[in-house]
């Protein structure tokens, strides 16, 4: 088996970013899939914001797993990886803004301990995206569901930071590996 790439602190940073991205994305996928399942089982159509979140997170997990395998085997085109990380960053920004619009109005400690998750999530996205007033009513909300949807929002924001760092690390790694592959002249030696 190969040894991990020996690229110093930048390599460790890239590895740490990929690990944190993976954990965040798997958490988002689990929470979002749970909300969609609850809504479908209660005969609601899942909000497009949650479906989009699930799609973006699934594609991002696939990308980071494949890109890290290629990185481990010294086959990852780092410049392309920096560009791909930038595109995933843009998708995460869209997710954070789309999910954050209704979630930013929530105050979780005010909710009761029990409620209906499907009614709550439906009212959450229905209120903000369909009504033009500034008065919102959350139906059957509970603390657990509120904290879970806020976790999705918070992890989406964290992913924006993580993908920014991994894109920068990829660019720096590309520059390092590109610079070290050129032969030195007599003056540089």
N, C-alpha and C. Protein backbone atom coordinates (compact mmCIF):
# COMPACT_ATOMS: atom_id res chain seq x y z
N UNK A 1 0.85 -1.19 0.00
CA UNK A 1 0.00 0.00 0.00
C UNK A 1 0.88 1.24 0.00
N UNK A 2 0.41 2.24 -0.69
CA UNK A 2 1.14 3.49 -0.78
C UNK A 2 1.26 4.17 0.57
N UNK A 3 2.29 4.98 0.69
CA UNK A 3 2.36 5.86 1.85
C UNK A 3 1.65 7.15 1.47
N UNK A 4 1.17 7.90 2.45
CA UNK A 4 0.47 9.14 2.13
C UNK A 4 1.42 10.13 1.47
N UNK A 5 0.87 11.04 0.67
CA UNK A 5 1.72 12.03 0.03
C UNK A 5 2.49 12.84 1.07
N UNK A 6 3.77 13.04 0.82
CA UNK A 6 4.62 13.81 1.74
C UNK A 6 4.70 15.25 1.24
N UNK A 7 3.69 16.02 1.51
CA UNK A 7 3.64 17.39 1.02
C UNK A 7 3.61 18.40 2.16
N UNK A 8 4.10 18.04 3.31
CA UNK A 8 4.26 18.97 4.42
C UNK A 8 2.94 19.43 5.02
N UNK A 9 2.99 20.63 5.55
CA UNK A 9 1.83 21.19 6.23
C UNK A 9 0.66 21.40 5.29
N UNK A 10 0.93 21.74 4.04
CA UNK A 10 -0.15 21.90 3.06
C UNK A 10 -0.87 20.58 2.82
N UNK A 11 -0.10 19.50 2.75
CA UNK A 11 -0.71 18.18 2.57
C UNK A 11 -1.56 17.78 3.76
N UNK A 12 -1.06 18.07 4.96
CA UNK A 12 -1.84 17.78 6.17
C UNK A 12 -3.10 18.63 6.20
N UNK A 13 -2.98 19.90 5.80
CA UNK A 13 -4.15 20.79 5.74
C UNK A 13 -5.18 20.25 4.76
N UNK A 14 -4.74 19.83 3.59
CA UNK A 14 -5.64 19.28 2.59
C UNK A 14 -6.36 18.04 3.13
N UNK A 15 -5.59 17.16 3.80
CA UNK A 15 -6.17 15.95 4.38
C UNK A 15 -7.18 16.29 5.47
N UNK A 16 -6.84 17.23 6.33
CA UNK A 16 -7.76 17.64 7.40
C UNK A 16 -9.03 18.25 6.83
N UNK A 17 -8.90 19.08 5.79
CA UNK A 17 -10.09 19.69 5.17
C UNK A 17 -11.00 18.62 4.59
N UNK A 18 -10.40 17.63 3.91
CA UNK A 18 -11.20 16.56 3.32
C UNK A 18 -11.92 15.76 4.41
N UNK A 19 -11.24 15.50 5.51
CA UNK A 19 -11.88 14.76 6.60
C UNK A 19 -13.05 15.53 7.20
N UNK A 20 -12.86 16.81 7.47
CA UNK A 20 -13.94 17.62 8.05
C UNK A 20 -15.08 17.81 7.05
N UNK A 21 -14.75 17.96 5.77
CA UNK A 21 -15.79 18.06 4.75
C UNK A 21 -16.63 16.78 4.70
N UNK A 22 -15.95 15.64 4.75
CA UNK A 22 -16.66 14.36 4.70
C UNK A 22 -17.63 14.22 5.87
N UNK A 23 -17.16 14.50 7.08
CA UNK A 23 -18.02 14.37 8.27
C UNK A 23 -19.20 15.34 8.18
N UNK A 24 -18.94 16.58 7.78
CA UNK A 24 -20.02 17.58 7.67
C UNK A 24 -21.04 17.17 6.62
N UNK A 25 -20.58 16.70 5.48
CA UNK A 25 -21.49 16.33 4.41
C UNK A 25 -22.33 15.10 4.76
N UNK A 26 -21.72 14.11 5.40
CA UNK A 26 -22.48 12.92 5.80
C UNK A 26 -23.55 13.31 6.82
N UNK A 27 -23.22 14.21 7.73
CA UNK A 27 -24.20 14.69 8.70
C UNK A 27 -25.35 15.41 8.01
N UNK A 28 -25.02 16.28 7.07
CA UNK A 28 -26.06 17.01 6.32
C UNK A 28 -26.94 16.03 5.55
N UNK A 29 -26.34 15.04 4.92
CA UNK A 29 -27.13 14.06 4.16
C UNK A 29 -28.09 13.33 5.09
N UNK A 30 -27.61 12.90 6.24
CA UNK A 30 -28.48 12.19 7.19
C UNK A 30 -29.63 13.04 7.69
N UNK A 31 -29.33 14.25 8.10
CA UNK A 31 -30.39 15.13 8.62
C UNK A 31 -31.39 15.50 7.54
N UNK A 32 -30.89 15.84 6.36
CA UNK A 32 -31.78 16.25 5.27
C UNK A 32 -32.65 15.08 4.80
N UNK A 33 -32.05 13.91 4.68
CA UNK A 33 -32.83 12.74 4.27
C UNK A 33 -33.91 12.42 5.29
N UNK A 34 -33.60 12.60 6.58
CA UNK A 34 -34.60 12.38 7.63
C UNK A 34 -35.77 13.35 7.48
N UNK A 35 -35.48 14.63 7.23
CA UNK A 35 -36.56 15.60 7.05
C UNK A 35 -37.40 15.26 5.82
N UNK A 36 -36.75 14.90 4.73
CA UNK A 36 -37.50 14.55 3.51
C UNK A 36 -38.36 13.32 3.76
N UNK A 37 -37.81 12.33 4.44
CA UNK A 37 -38.57 11.12 4.76
C UNK A 37 -39.79 11.43 5.62
N UNK A 38 -39.61 12.26 6.63
CA UNK A 38 -40.73 12.67 7.50
C UNK A 38 -41.82 13.36 6.69
N UNK A 39 -41.41 14.24 5.78
CA UNK A 39 -42.40 14.99 5.00
C UNK A 39 -43.15 14.08 4.03
N UNK A 40 -42.43 13.20 3.36
CA UNK A 40 -43.07 12.30 2.40
C UNK A 40 -44.02 11.35 3.11
N UNK A 41 -43.63 10.84 4.28
CA UNK A 41 -44.51 9.93 5.01
C UNK A 41 -45.76 10.63 5.54
N UNK A 42 -45.74 11.96 5.63
CA UNK A 42 -46.91 12.72 6.04
C UNK A 42 -47.60 13.41 4.87
N UNK A 43 -47.34 12.93 3.66
CA UNK A 43 -47.99 13.41 2.43
C UNK A 43 -47.71 14.87 2.10
N UNK A 44 -46.53 15.34 2.43
CA UNK A 44 -46.09 16.67 2.00
C UNK A 44 -45.06 16.51 0.90
N UNK A 45 -45.01 17.48 0.02
CA UNK A 45 -43.92 17.51 -0.96
C UNK A 45 -42.71 18.12 -0.27
N UNK A 46 -41.58 17.51 -0.46
CA UNK A 46 -40.36 18.02 0.17
C UNK A 46 -39.99 19.36 -0.45
N UNK A 47 -39.57 20.33 0.36
CA UNK A 47 -39.18 21.64 -0.18
C UNK A 47 -37.97 21.51 -1.11
N UNK A 48 -37.98 22.30 -2.16
CA UNK A 48 -36.88 22.24 -3.12
C UNK A 48 -35.55 22.58 -2.46
N UNK A 49 -35.56 23.40 -1.42
CA UNK A 49 -34.32 23.74 -0.72
C UNK A 49 -33.70 22.51 -0.08
N UNK A 50 -34.52 21.63 0.48
CA UNK A 50 -33.99 20.41 1.09
C UNK A 50 -33.53 19.41 0.04
N UNK A 51 -34.27 19.31 -1.05
CA UNK A 51 -33.85 18.41 -2.13
C UNK A 51 -32.53 18.88 -2.73
N UNK A 52 -32.43 20.18 -2.96
CA UNK A 52 -31.18 20.75 -3.47
C UNK A 52 -30.01 20.52 -2.53
N UNK A 53 -30.27 20.66 -1.23
CA UNK A 53 -29.23 20.42 -0.23
C UNK A 53 -28.76 18.98 -0.29
N UNK A 54 -29.69 18.05 -0.40
CA UNK A 54 -29.35 16.63 -0.48
C UNK A 54 -28.54 16.32 -1.74
N UNK A 55 -28.93 16.90 -2.86
CA UNK A 55 -28.22 16.66 -4.12
C UNK A 55 -26.80 17.22 -4.06
N UNK A 56 -26.67 18.46 -3.60
CA UNK A 56 -25.34 19.09 -3.50
C UNK A 56 -24.44 18.30 -2.56
N UNK A 57 -24.98 17.90 -1.41
CA UNK A 57 -24.17 17.16 -0.44
C UNK A 57 -23.76 15.80 -0.99
N UNK A 58 -24.65 15.13 -1.69
CA UNK A 58 -24.31 13.81 -2.25
C UNK A 58 -23.23 13.92 -3.32
N UNK A 59 -23.36 14.88 -4.20
CA UNK A 59 -22.35 15.08 -5.24
C UNK A 59 -21.01 15.47 -4.61
N UNK A 60 -21.06 16.33 -3.59
CA UNK A 60 -19.82 16.76 -2.94
C UNK A 60 -19.12 15.60 -2.24
N UNK A 61 -19.88 14.71 -1.60
CA UNK A 61 -19.26 13.54 -0.95
C UNK A 61 -18.58 12.67 -2.00
N UNK A 62 -19.26 12.42 -3.09
CA UNK A 62 -18.68 11.63 -4.16
C UNK A 62 -17.38 12.27 -4.66
N UNK A 63 -17.42 13.57 -4.87
CA UNK A 63 -16.23 14.29 -5.34
C UNK A 63 -15.08 14.22 -4.34
N UNK A 64 -15.35 14.47 -3.06
CA UNK A 64 -14.22 14.50 -2.11
C UNK A 64 -13.63 13.12 -1.90
N UNK A 65 -14.45 12.08 -1.96
CA UNK A 65 -13.91 10.72 -1.80
C UNK A 65 -13.02 10.38 -3.00
N UNK A 66 -13.50 10.63 -4.21
CA UNK A 66 -12.70 10.33 -5.40
C UNK A 66 -11.45 11.19 -5.44
N UNK A 67 -11.59 12.49 -5.15
CA UNK A 67 -10.42 13.36 -5.21
C UNK A 67 -9.38 13.00 -4.16
N UNK A 68 -9.82 12.54 -2.98
CA UNK A 68 -8.83 12.17 -1.98
C UNK A 68 -8.13 10.86 -2.33
N UNK A 69 -8.85 9.94 -2.93
CA UNK A 69 -8.21 8.71 -3.40
C UNK A 69 -7.15 9.04 -4.44
N UNK A 70 -7.49 9.93 -5.37
CA UNK A 70 -6.51 10.34 -6.38
C UNK A 70 -5.33 11.08 -5.74
N UNK A 71 -5.61 11.89 -4.74
CA UNK A 71 -4.55 12.60 -4.02
C UNK A 71 -3.62 11.61 -3.33
N UNK A 72 -4.19 10.61 -2.68
CA UNK A 72 -3.40 9.60 -1.97
C UNK A 72 -2.47 8.85 -2.93
N UNK A 73 -2.98 8.59 -4.15
CA UNK A 73 -2.19 7.87 -5.15
C UNK A 73 -1.34 8.80 -6.02
N UNK A 74 -1.22 10.05 -5.65
CA UNK A 74 -0.41 11.04 -6.38
C UNK A 74 -0.90 11.24 -7.81
N UNK A 75 -2.20 11.14 -8.02
CA UNK A 75 -2.77 11.27 -9.36
C UNK A 75 -3.74 12.44 -9.48
N UNK A 76 -3.92 13.20 -8.42
CA UNK A 76 -4.90 14.29 -8.44
C UNK A 76 -4.34 15.50 -9.17
N UNK A 77 -5.01 15.95 -10.24
CA UNK A 77 -4.59 17.20 -10.87
C UNK A 77 -5.01 18.37 -9.96
N UNK A 78 -4.05 18.92 -9.26
CA UNK A 78 -4.36 19.87 -8.18
C UNK A 78 -5.00 21.16 -8.67
N UNK A 79 -4.64 21.61 -9.85
CA UNK A 79 -5.26 22.83 -10.38
C UNK A 79 -6.73 22.59 -10.68
N UNK A 80 -7.03 21.44 -11.26
CA UNK A 80 -8.43 21.09 -11.52
C UNK A 80 -9.17 20.91 -10.21
N UNK A 81 -8.51 20.31 -9.21
CA UNK A 81 -9.14 20.14 -7.91
C UNK A 81 -9.46 21.48 -7.27
N UNK A 82 -8.58 22.46 -7.43
CA UNK A 82 -8.85 23.79 -6.89
C UNK A 82 -10.09 24.40 -7.55
N UNK A 83 -10.20 24.21 -8.86
CA UNK A 83 -11.39 24.70 -9.56
C UNK A 83 -12.65 23.98 -9.13
N UNK A 84 -12.56 22.66 -8.99
CA UNK A 84 -13.73 21.88 -8.55
C UNK A 84 -14.13 22.27 -7.13
N UNK A 85 -13.15 22.47 -6.25
CA UNK A 85 -13.46 22.92 -4.89
C UNK A 85 -14.16 24.27 -4.92
N UNK A 86 -13.75 25.14 -5.84
CA UNK A 86 -14.39 26.46 -5.97
C UNK A 86 -15.85 26.32 -6.42
N UNK A 87 -16.11 25.39 -7.33
CA UNK A 87 -17.49 25.16 -7.76
C UNK A 87 -18.34 24.59 -6.63
N UNK A 88 -17.78 23.66 -5.88
CA UNK A 88 -18.51 23.11 -4.72
C UNK A 88 -18.73 24.22 -3.69
N UNK A 89 -17.75 25.10 -3.53
CA UNK A 89 -17.90 26.25 -2.62
C UNK A 89 -19.09 27.10 -3.03
N UNK A 90 -19.23 27.37 -4.31
CA UNK A 90 -20.37 28.17 -4.79
C UNK A 90 -21.68 27.45 -4.50
N UNK A 91 -21.72 26.14 -4.72
CA UNK A 91 -22.93 25.36 -4.42
C UNK A 91 -23.25 25.41 -2.93
N UNK A 92 -22.22 25.34 -2.08
CA UNK A 92 -22.45 25.41 -0.63
C UNK A 92 -22.94 26.78 -0.20
N UNK A 93 -22.47 27.82 -0.87
CA UNK A 93 -22.97 29.17 -0.57
C UNK A 93 -24.45 29.27 -0.91
N UNK A 94 -24.83 28.72 -2.06
CA UNK A 94 -26.25 28.72 -2.46
C UNK A 94 -27.09 27.95 -1.44
N UNK A 95 -26.60 26.78 -1.02
CA UNK A 95 -27.33 25.99 -0.02
C UNK A 95 -27.45 26.76 1.29
N UNK A 96 -26.36 27.35 1.74
CA UNK A 96 -26.39 28.09 3.02
C UNK A 96 -27.38 29.25 2.96
N UNK A 97 -27.42 29.95 1.82
CA UNK A 97 -28.35 31.07 1.69
C UNK A 97 -29.80 30.61 1.57
N UNK A 98 -30.02 29.54 0.81
CA UNK A 98 -31.38 29.04 0.59
C UNK A 98 -31.96 28.46 1.87
N UNK A 99 -31.19 27.66 2.57
CA UNK A 99 -31.67 27.07 3.82
C UNK A 99 -31.69 28.12 4.92
N UNK A 100 -30.72 29.02 4.88
CA UNK A 100 -30.60 30.02 5.94
C UNK A 100 -31.70 31.07 5.96
N UNK A 101 -32.31 31.32 4.80
CA UNK A 101 -33.36 32.35 4.77
C UNK A 101 -34.50 32.05 5.75
N UNK A 102 -35.10 30.86 5.71
CA UNK A 102 -36.15 30.62 6.72
C UNK A 102 -35.60 30.29 8.11
N UNK A 103 -34.45 29.60 8.16
CA UNK A 103 -33.92 29.12 9.43
C UNK A 103 -33.44 30.28 10.31
N UNK A 104 -33.01 31.35 9.69
CA UNK A 104 -32.49 32.47 10.48
C UNK A 104 -33.55 33.10 11.38
N UNK A 105 -34.81 32.88 11.10
CA UNK A 105 -35.89 33.44 11.91
C UNK A 105 -36.21 32.60 13.15
N UNK A 106 -35.65 31.41 13.24
CA UNK A 106 -36.02 30.49 14.32
C UNK A 106 -35.28 30.79 15.62
N UNK A 107 -35.99 30.59 16.71
CA UNK A 107 -35.41 30.65 18.05
C UNK A 107 -35.76 29.32 18.72
N UNK A 108 -34.85 28.39 18.65
CA UNK A 108 -35.12 27.01 19.09
C UNK A 108 -35.54 26.86 20.55
N UNK A 109 -34.95 27.59 21.49
CA UNK A 109 -35.38 27.40 22.89
C UNK A 109 -36.86 27.72 23.14
N UNK A 110 -37.48 28.47 22.25
CA UNK A 110 -38.89 28.83 22.43
C UNK A 110 -39.85 27.71 22.04
N UNK A 111 -39.36 26.69 21.35
CA UNK A 111 -40.23 25.62 20.89
C UNK A 111 -40.45 24.60 22.00
N UNK A 112 -41.60 23.90 21.96
CA UNK A 112 -41.85 22.84 22.94
C UNK A 112 -40.99 21.61 22.65
N UNK A 113 -40.98 20.68 23.57
CA UNK A 113 -40.17 19.47 23.42
C UNK A 113 -40.74 18.53 22.35
N UNK A 114 -42.04 18.53 22.16
CA UNK A 114 -42.68 17.62 21.20
C UNK A 114 -43.36 18.41 20.10
N UNK A 115 -43.42 17.81 18.92
CA UNK A 115 -44.09 18.44 17.79
C UNK A 115 -44.11 17.49 16.61
N UNK A 116 -44.59 17.98 15.48
CA UNK A 116 -44.64 17.20 14.25
C UNK A 116 -43.61 17.77 13.28
N UNK A 117 -42.58 17.00 13.00
CA UNK A 117 -41.48 17.48 12.17
C UNK A 117 -41.95 17.86 10.77
N UNK A 118 -42.79 17.06 10.18
CA UNK A 118 -43.26 17.33 8.81
C UNK A 118 -44.04 18.64 8.75
N UNK A 119 -44.97 18.85 9.68
CA UNK A 119 -45.73 20.11 9.70
C UNK A 119 -44.80 21.31 9.90
N UNK A 120 -43.84 21.14 10.79
CA UNK A 120 -42.91 22.22 11.10
C UNK A 120 -42.06 22.60 9.88
N UNK A 121 -41.46 21.62 9.24
CA UNK A 121 -40.60 21.91 8.08
C UNK A 121 -41.42 22.48 6.93
N UNK A 122 -42.62 21.94 6.73
CA UNK A 122 -43.50 22.49 5.69
C UNK A 122 -43.83 23.95 5.98
N UNK A 123 -44.20 24.25 7.20
CA UNK A 123 -44.54 25.64 7.54
C UNK A 123 -43.32 26.55 7.45
N UNK A 124 -42.16 26.01 7.78
CA UNK A 124 -40.94 26.80 7.75
C UNK A 124 -40.67 27.33 6.34
N UNK A 125 -40.65 26.45 5.36
CA UNK A 125 -40.36 26.88 3.99
C UNK A 125 -41.55 27.53 3.32
N UNK A 126 -42.76 27.11 3.68
CA UNK A 126 -43.98 27.71 3.11
C UNK A 126 -44.11 29.17 3.53
N UNK A 127 -43.90 29.46 4.80
CA UNK A 127 -44.02 30.83 5.31
C UNK A 127 -43.07 31.78 4.61
N UNK A 128 -41.82 31.42 4.54
CA UNK A 128 -40.82 32.35 4.06
C UNK A 128 -40.83 32.50 2.55
N UNK A 129 -41.04 31.41 1.83
CA UNK A 129 -40.94 31.48 0.38
C UNK A 129 -42.26 31.80 -0.33
N UNK A 130 -43.40 31.62 0.36
CA UNK A 130 -44.69 31.84 -0.30
C UNK A 130 -45.40 33.12 0.16
N UNK A 131 -45.13 33.56 1.39
CA UNK A 131 -45.83 34.74 1.92
C UNK A 131 -44.89 35.93 1.91
N UNK A 132 -45.46 37.08 1.65
CA UNK A 132 -44.65 38.29 1.53
C UNK A 132 -44.63 39.13 2.81
N UNK A 133 -45.34 38.72 3.84
CA UNK A 133 -45.36 39.51 5.07
C UNK A 133 -44.16 39.16 5.94
N UNK A 134 -43.96 39.91 6.99
CA UNK A 134 -42.88 39.65 7.94
C UNK A 134 -43.36 38.93 9.19
N UNK A 135 -44.59 38.43 9.17
CA UNK A 135 -45.14 37.69 10.30
C UNK A 135 -45.21 36.22 9.90
N UNK A 136 -44.54 35.37 10.68
CA UNK A 136 -44.47 33.96 10.34
C UNK A 136 -45.05 33.13 11.47
N UNK A 137 -45.69 32.02 11.09
CA UNK A 137 -46.21 31.08 12.07
C UNK A 137 -45.58 29.72 11.80
N UNK A 138 -44.97 29.18 12.83
CA UNK A 138 -44.36 27.85 12.71
C UNK A 138 -45.35 26.85 13.30
N UNK A 139 -45.72 25.84 12.53
CA UNK A 139 -46.73 24.87 12.93
C UNK A 139 -46.04 23.64 13.52
N UNK A 140 -46.44 23.26 14.73
CA UNK A 140 -45.99 22.02 15.38
C UNK A 140 -44.47 21.90 15.49
N UNK A 141 -43.80 22.99 15.69
CA UNK A 141 -42.34 22.93 15.81
C UNK A 141 -41.90 22.32 17.13
N UNK A 142 -40.75 21.67 17.12
CA UNK A 142 -40.17 21.17 18.36
C UNK A 142 -38.69 21.51 18.39
N UNK A 143 -38.11 21.47 19.57
CA UNK A 143 -36.71 21.86 19.73
C UNK A 143 -35.77 21.00 18.91
N UNK A 144 -35.98 19.70 18.91
CA UNK A 144 -35.06 18.80 18.20
C UNK A 144 -35.02 19.11 16.71
N UNK A 145 -36.18 19.27 16.10
CA UNK A 145 -36.23 19.58 14.67
C UNK A 145 -35.62 20.94 14.38
N UNK A 146 -35.86 21.88 15.25
CA UNK A 146 -35.30 23.21 15.08
C UNK A 146 -33.77 23.17 15.12
N UNK A 147 -33.23 22.47 16.10
CA UNK A 147 -31.78 22.37 16.21
C UNK A 147 -31.19 21.58 15.03
N UNK A 148 -31.91 20.60 14.54
CA UNK A 148 -31.42 19.83 13.41
C UNK A 148 -31.37 20.67 12.13
N UNK A 149 -32.39 21.46 11.88
CA UNK A 149 -32.37 22.29 10.67
C UNK A 149 -31.32 23.40 10.81
N UNK A 150 -31.12 23.88 12.03
CA UNK A 150 -30.05 24.86 12.26
C UNK A 150 -28.68 24.22 12.08
N UNK A 151 -28.56 22.94 12.42
CA UNK A 151 -27.29 22.23 12.21
C UNK A 151 -26.99 22.13 10.72
N UNK A 152 -28.00 21.87 9.91
CA UNK A 152 -27.79 21.83 8.46
C UNK A 152 -27.29 23.17 7.96
N UNK A 153 -27.89 24.24 8.43
CA UNK A 153 -27.48 25.59 8.03
C UNK A 153 -26.06 25.87 8.50
N UNK A 154 -25.78 25.57 9.75
CA UNK A 154 -24.45 25.83 10.30
C UNK A 154 -23.37 25.02 9.59
N UNK A 155 -23.64 23.75 9.32
CA UNK A 155 -22.66 22.93 8.61
C UNK A 155 -22.47 23.40 7.18
N UNK A 156 -23.51 23.93 6.56
CA UNK A 156 -23.38 24.49 5.21
C UNK A 156 -22.45 25.70 5.22
N UNK A 157 -22.58 26.52 6.24
CA UNK A 157 -21.67 27.67 6.37
C UNK A 157 -20.25 27.19 6.63
N UNK A 158 -20.10 26.18 7.49
CA UNK A 158 -18.77 25.63 7.76
C UNK A 158 -18.15 25.05 6.50
N UNK A 159 -18.96 24.40 5.67
CA UNK A 159 -18.45 23.85 4.41
C UNK A 159 -17.95 24.93 3.47
N UNK A 160 -18.57 26.10 3.51
CA UNK A 160 -18.07 27.21 2.70
C UNK A 160 -16.63 27.54 3.09
N UNK A 161 -16.37 27.58 4.38
CA UNK A 161 -15.02 27.87 4.86
C UNK A 161 -14.08 26.72 4.51
N UNK A 162 -14.52 25.48 4.72
CA UNK A 162 -13.66 24.32 4.45
C UNK A 162 -13.31 24.20 2.97
N UNK A 163 -14.27 24.42 2.08
CA UNK A 163 -13.96 24.34 0.66
C UNK A 163 -13.10 25.52 0.19
N UNK A 164 -13.23 26.67 0.85
CA UNK A 164 -12.32 27.78 0.55
C UNK A 164 -10.90 27.39 0.88
N UNK A 165 -10.70 26.84 2.08
CA UNK A 165 -9.36 26.43 2.49
C UNK A 165 -8.81 25.31 1.62
N UNK A 166 -9.64 24.34 1.26
CA UNK A 166 -9.11 23.24 0.44
C UNK A 166 -8.79 23.71 -0.97
N UNK A 167 -9.54 24.68 -1.50
CA UNK A 167 -9.21 25.24 -2.81
C UNK A 167 -7.88 25.98 -2.75
N UNK A 168 -7.69 26.75 -1.70
CA UNK A 168 -6.41 27.48 -1.53
C UNK A 168 -5.26 26.49 -1.33
N UNK A 169 -5.49 25.48 -0.51
CA UNK A 169 -4.44 24.47 -0.29
C UNK A 169 -4.11 23.74 -1.58
N UNK A 170 -5.12 23.44 -2.41
CA UNK A 170 -4.87 22.78 -3.69
C UNK A 170 -4.04 23.66 -4.61
N UNK A 171 -4.35 24.95 -4.63
CA UNK A 171 -3.56 25.87 -5.45
C UNK A 171 -2.11 25.94 -4.98
N UNK A 172 -1.92 26.01 -3.68
CA UNK A 172 -0.56 26.07 -3.13
C UNK A 172 0.18 24.76 -3.38
N UNK A 173 -0.50 23.63 -3.23
CA UNK A 173 0.13 22.34 -3.53
C UNK A 173 0.48 22.23 -5.00
N UNK A 174 -0.40 22.72 -5.86
CA UNK A 174 -0.11 22.72 -7.29
C UNK A 174 1.12 23.54 -7.60
N UNK A 175 1.20 24.73 -6.99
CA UNK A 175 2.37 25.59 -7.21
C UNK A 175 3.63 24.91 -6.70
N UNK A 176 3.54 24.28 -5.54
CA UNK A 176 4.71 23.59 -4.99
C UNK A 176 5.16 22.44 -5.88
N UNK A 177 4.21 21.61 -6.30
CA UNK A 177 4.59 20.45 -7.12
C UNK A 177 5.00 20.87 -8.52
N UNK A 178 4.41 21.91 -9.03
CA UNK A 178 4.77 22.42 -10.36
C UNK A 178 6.18 23.01 -10.31
N UNK A 179 6.47 23.74 -9.25
CA UNK A 179 7.78 24.38 -9.11
C UNK A 179 8.89 23.39 -8.86
N UNK A 180 8.61 22.28 -8.17
CA UNK A 180 9.66 21.33 -7.84
C UNK A 180 9.98 20.40 -8.99
N UNK A 181 9.11 20.34 -10.01
CA UNK A 181 9.35 19.42 -11.12
C UNK A 181 10.25 20.03 -12.18
N UNK A 182 10.49 21.34 -12.11
CA UNK A 182 11.35 21.98 -13.09
C UNK A 182 12.81 21.83 -12.67
N UNK A 183 13.69 21.55 -13.64
CA UNK A 183 15.10 21.42 -13.29
C UNK A 183 15.69 22.75 -12.86
N UNK A 184 16.60 22.69 -11.90
CA UNK A 184 17.27 23.89 -11.41
C UNK A 184 18.41 24.28 -12.36
N UNK A 185 18.61 25.54 -12.48
CA UNK A 185 19.74 26.02 -13.27
C UNK A 185 20.97 26.08 -12.38
N UNK A 186 22.10 26.35 -12.99
CA UNK A 186 23.35 26.42 -12.22
C UNK A 186 23.32 27.56 -11.22
N UNK A 187 22.66 28.67 -11.56
CA UNK A 187 22.58 29.82 -10.67
C UNK A 187 21.74 29.52 -9.43
N UNK A 188 20.72 28.67 -9.55
CA UNK A 188 19.83 28.38 -8.42
C UNK A 188 20.42 27.32 -7.50
N UNK A 189 21.35 26.54 -7.96
CA UNK A 189 21.91 25.45 -7.16
C UNK A 189 22.88 25.91 -6.12
